[in-house]
N, C-alpha and C. Protein backbone atom coordinates (compact mmCIF):
# COMPACT_ATOMS: atom_id res chain seq x y z
N MET A 1 0.84 -1.18 0.00
CA MET A 1 0.00 0.00 0.00
C MET A 1 0.88 1.23 0.00
N SER A 2 0.43 2.26 -0.67
CA SER A 2 1.17 3.52 -0.73
C SER A 2 0.95 4.33 0.53
N ARG A 3 1.90 5.19 0.82
CA ARG A 3 1.75 6.14 1.91
C ARG A 3 0.94 7.33 1.40
N GLY A 4 0.28 8.04 2.31
CA GLY A 4 -0.52 9.20 1.95
C GLY A 4 0.27 10.25 1.20
N ILE A 5 1.51 10.44 1.58
CA ILE A 5 2.34 11.45 0.93
C ILE A 5 2.60 11.09 -0.53
N ASP A 6 2.55 9.79 -0.86
CA ASP A 6 2.77 9.35 -2.23
C ASP A 6 1.65 9.80 -3.17
N PHE A 7 0.49 10.14 -2.64
CA PHE A 7 -0.64 10.56 -3.46
C PHE A 7 -0.57 12.02 -3.87
N LYS A 8 0.13 12.82 -3.09
CA LYS A 8 0.17 14.26 -3.37
C LYS A 8 0.73 14.53 -4.74
N GLN A 9 0.10 15.45 -5.42
CA GLN A 9 0.47 15.95 -6.74
C GLN A 9 0.18 14.96 -7.87
N LYS A 10 -0.48 13.85 -7.58
CA LYS A 10 -0.87 12.94 -8.65
C LYS A 10 -2.12 13.50 -9.33
N GLU A 11 -2.16 13.34 -10.64
CA GLU A 11 -3.31 13.79 -11.41
C GLU A 11 -4.45 12.79 -11.21
N VAL A 12 -5.68 13.29 -11.07
CA VAL A 12 -6.84 12.44 -10.86
C VAL A 12 -7.73 12.53 -12.11
N ILE A 13 -8.07 11.37 -12.67
CA ILE A 13 -8.84 11.31 -13.91
C ILE A 13 -10.09 10.46 -13.67
N SER A 14 -11.21 10.95 -14.20
CA SER A 14 -12.48 10.23 -14.10
C SER A 14 -12.56 9.17 -15.19
N LEU A 15 -12.87 7.94 -14.81
CA LEU A 15 -13.03 6.86 -15.78
C LEU A 15 -14.28 7.02 -16.63
N SER A 16 -15.31 7.67 -16.10
CA SER A 16 -16.58 7.76 -16.82
C SER A 16 -16.49 8.61 -18.08
N ASP A 17 -15.67 9.69 -18.04
CA ASP A 17 -15.58 10.56 -19.21
C ASP A 17 -14.15 10.93 -19.60
N GLY A 18 -13.17 10.41 -18.87
CA GLY A 18 -11.77 10.70 -19.19
C GLY A 18 -11.33 12.10 -18.81
N LYS A 19 -12.15 12.81 -18.08
CA LYS A 19 -11.87 14.19 -17.71
C LYS A 19 -10.84 14.27 -16.58
N ILE A 20 -9.93 15.22 -16.70
CA ILE A 20 -8.96 15.48 -15.63
C ILE A 20 -9.68 16.27 -14.55
N LEU A 21 -9.71 15.72 -13.34
CA LEU A 21 -10.41 16.36 -12.24
C LEU A 21 -9.52 17.34 -11.48
N GLY A 22 -8.22 17.11 -11.49
CA GLY A 22 -7.28 17.97 -10.78
C GLY A 22 -6.15 17.16 -10.21
N PHE A 23 -5.56 17.69 -9.14
CA PHE A 23 -4.41 17.05 -8.50
C PHE A 23 -4.70 16.82 -7.02
N VAL A 24 -4.18 15.73 -6.49
CA VAL A 24 -4.35 15.42 -5.07
C VAL A 24 -3.56 16.44 -4.25
N VAL A 25 -4.24 17.05 -3.28
CA VAL A 25 -3.58 18.00 -2.39
C VAL A 25 -3.52 17.49 -0.96
N ASP A 26 -4.34 16.48 -0.63
CA ASP A 26 -4.33 15.95 0.73
C ASP A 26 -5.11 14.64 0.76
N VAL A 27 -5.00 13.93 1.87
CA VAL A 27 -5.77 12.71 2.11
C VAL A 27 -6.44 12.83 3.47
N GLN A 28 -7.59 12.16 3.63
CA GLN A 28 -8.25 12.07 4.92
C GLN A 28 -8.10 10.64 5.40
N ALA A 29 -7.61 10.48 6.61
CA ALA A 29 -7.33 9.14 7.12
C ALA A 29 -7.90 8.94 8.51
N ASP A 30 -8.17 7.68 8.82
CA ASP A 30 -8.56 7.26 10.16
C ASP A 30 -7.31 6.64 10.78
N PHE A 31 -6.64 7.39 11.62
CA PHE A 31 -5.37 6.93 12.17
C PHE A 31 -5.53 5.79 13.17
N GLN A 32 -6.68 5.69 13.80
CA GLN A 32 -6.91 4.58 14.72
C GLN A 32 -7.02 3.26 13.97
N LYS A 33 -7.64 3.29 12.81
CA LYS A 33 -7.80 2.08 11.99
C LYS A 33 -6.64 1.90 11.01
N GLY A 34 -5.90 2.98 10.77
CA GLY A 34 -4.80 2.92 9.81
C GLY A 34 -5.28 2.85 8.37
N GLU A 35 -6.40 3.53 8.08
CA GLU A 35 -7.00 3.49 6.75
C GLU A 35 -7.13 4.89 6.16
N ILE A 36 -6.98 4.98 4.85
CA ILE A 36 -7.25 6.24 4.15
C ILE A 36 -8.72 6.22 3.77
N ASN A 37 -9.44 7.29 4.14
CA ASN A 37 -10.87 7.37 3.86
C ASN A 37 -11.18 8.03 2.53
N SER A 38 -10.39 9.04 2.16
CA SER A 38 -10.66 9.76 0.93
C SER A 38 -9.45 10.59 0.53
N ILE A 39 -9.50 11.09 -0.71
CA ILE A 39 -8.47 12.01 -1.19
C ILE A 39 -9.12 13.35 -1.47
N ILE A 40 -8.36 14.42 -1.28
CA ILE A 40 -8.82 15.77 -1.57
C ILE A 40 -8.16 16.20 -2.86
N VAL A 41 -8.97 16.63 -3.82
CA VAL A 41 -8.47 17.00 -5.14
C VAL A 41 -8.76 18.47 -5.40
N ALA A 42 -7.72 19.21 -5.82
CA ALA A 42 -7.89 20.61 -6.20
C ALA A 42 -8.40 20.65 -7.63
N LYS A 43 -9.65 21.08 -7.82
CA LYS A 43 -10.25 21.10 -9.14
C LYS A 43 -9.59 22.11 -10.07
N THR A 44 -8.91 23.09 -9.51
CA THR A 44 -8.32 24.13 -10.34
C THR A 44 -7.07 23.65 -11.05
N GLY A 45 -6.54 22.50 -10.65
CA GLY A 45 -5.32 22.00 -11.26
C GLY A 45 -4.07 22.52 -10.59
N LYS A 46 -4.24 23.29 -9.52
CA LYS A 46 -3.09 23.81 -8.80
C LYS A 46 -2.43 22.69 -8.01
N LEU A 47 -1.13 22.63 -8.09
CA LEU A 47 -0.40 21.64 -7.30
C LEU A 47 -0.26 22.10 -5.86
N PHE A 48 -0.08 23.39 -5.67
CA PHE A 48 0.13 23.92 -4.33
C PHE A 48 -0.94 24.96 -4.05
N GLY A 49 -1.98 24.53 -3.39
CA GLY A 49 -3.06 25.44 -3.08
C GLY A 49 -3.59 25.17 -1.70
N SER A 50 -4.57 25.91 -1.35
CA SER A 50 -5.20 25.71 -0.06
C SER A 50 -5.90 24.36 -0.04
N VAL A 51 -5.70 23.61 1.02
CA VAL A 51 -6.35 22.31 1.14
C VAL A 51 -7.84 22.49 1.37
N ILE A 52 -8.21 23.54 2.09
CA ILE A 52 -9.61 23.82 2.35
C ILE A 52 -10.06 24.93 1.41
N GLY A 53 -10.96 24.60 0.52
CA GLY A 53 -11.43 25.60 -0.42
C GLY A 53 -12.60 25.09 -1.22
N LYS A 54 -13.33 26.01 -1.82
CA LYS A 54 -14.51 25.62 -2.58
C LYS A 54 -14.15 24.97 -3.91
N ASN A 55 -12.91 25.09 -4.35
CA ASN A 55 -12.49 24.48 -5.60
C ASN A 55 -11.95 23.07 -5.41
N ASN A 56 -12.06 22.53 -4.21
CA ASN A 56 -11.58 21.18 -3.92
C ASN A 56 -12.75 20.21 -3.84
N ILE A 57 -12.50 18.96 -4.23
CA ILE A 57 -13.51 17.93 -4.09
C ILE A 57 -12.93 16.78 -3.28
N THR A 58 -13.80 16.11 -2.54
CA THR A 58 -13.41 14.95 -1.75
C THR A 58 -13.89 13.70 -2.48
N ILE A 59 -12.97 12.78 -2.73
CA ILE A 59 -13.31 11.54 -3.42
C ILE A 59 -13.12 10.39 -2.43
N PRO A 60 -14.21 9.67 -2.12
CA PRO A 60 -14.11 8.55 -1.18
C PRO A 60 -13.16 7.46 -1.71
N TRP A 61 -12.52 6.78 -0.79
CA TRP A 61 -11.55 5.74 -1.14
C TRP A 61 -12.16 4.66 -2.02
N ASN A 62 -13.42 4.30 -1.78
CA ASN A 62 -14.06 3.23 -2.56
C ASN A 62 -14.33 3.62 -4.01
N LYS A 63 -14.15 4.88 -4.37
CA LYS A 63 -14.32 5.34 -5.75
C LYS A 63 -13.01 5.30 -6.54
N ILE A 64 -11.90 5.03 -5.86
CA ILE A 64 -10.61 4.93 -6.52
C ILE A 64 -10.50 3.55 -7.16
N GLN A 65 -10.27 3.52 -8.46
CA GLN A 65 -10.19 2.25 -9.19
C GLN A 65 -8.76 1.78 -9.40
N LYS A 66 -7.86 2.72 -9.66
CA LYS A 66 -6.47 2.34 -9.95
C LYS A 66 -5.56 3.49 -9.57
N ILE A 67 -4.44 3.14 -8.91
CA ILE A 67 -3.43 4.13 -8.54
C ILE A 67 -2.17 3.80 -9.32
N GLY A 68 -1.80 4.68 -10.23
CA GLY A 68 -0.61 4.49 -11.03
C GLY A 68 0.55 5.34 -10.52
N GLU A 69 1.63 5.29 -11.25
CA GLU A 69 2.82 6.04 -10.85
C GLU A 69 2.57 7.55 -10.94
N ASP A 70 1.79 7.99 -11.94
CA ASP A 70 1.56 9.42 -12.15
C ASP A 70 0.12 9.85 -11.99
N VAL A 71 -0.82 8.91 -12.11
CA VAL A 71 -2.23 9.26 -12.09
C VAL A 71 -3.03 8.34 -11.18
N ILE A 72 -4.21 8.83 -10.79
CA ILE A 72 -5.18 8.05 -10.04
C ILE A 72 -6.47 8.05 -10.85
N LEU A 73 -7.01 6.87 -11.14
CA LEU A 73 -8.26 6.75 -11.89
C LEU A 73 -9.39 6.53 -10.90
N VAL A 74 -10.46 7.33 -11.06
CA VAL A 74 -11.60 7.24 -10.14
C VAL A 74 -12.89 7.03 -10.91
N ASP A 75 -13.84 6.41 -10.26
CA ASP A 75 -15.15 6.13 -10.85
C ASP A 75 -16.19 7.03 -10.21
N ILE A 76 -16.28 8.26 -10.71
CA ILE A 76 -17.30 9.18 -10.19
C ILE A 76 -18.05 9.81 -11.34
């Protein structure tokens, strides 16, 4: 399994339409269970932006289909 830091700056692409959703700026995790719950994606395409903002979307972990070296494919 990858570490949360490994997700940062990866491009996120929707499998349904091939659209680039943005870049991962953060992850939400349950440290007691040791699980990642979701990823935070900056819709603006900014690599370095505010983690909390209206241009960010939260993608639940169960919507992630494939994690590659450069991209993350999601089913949303």
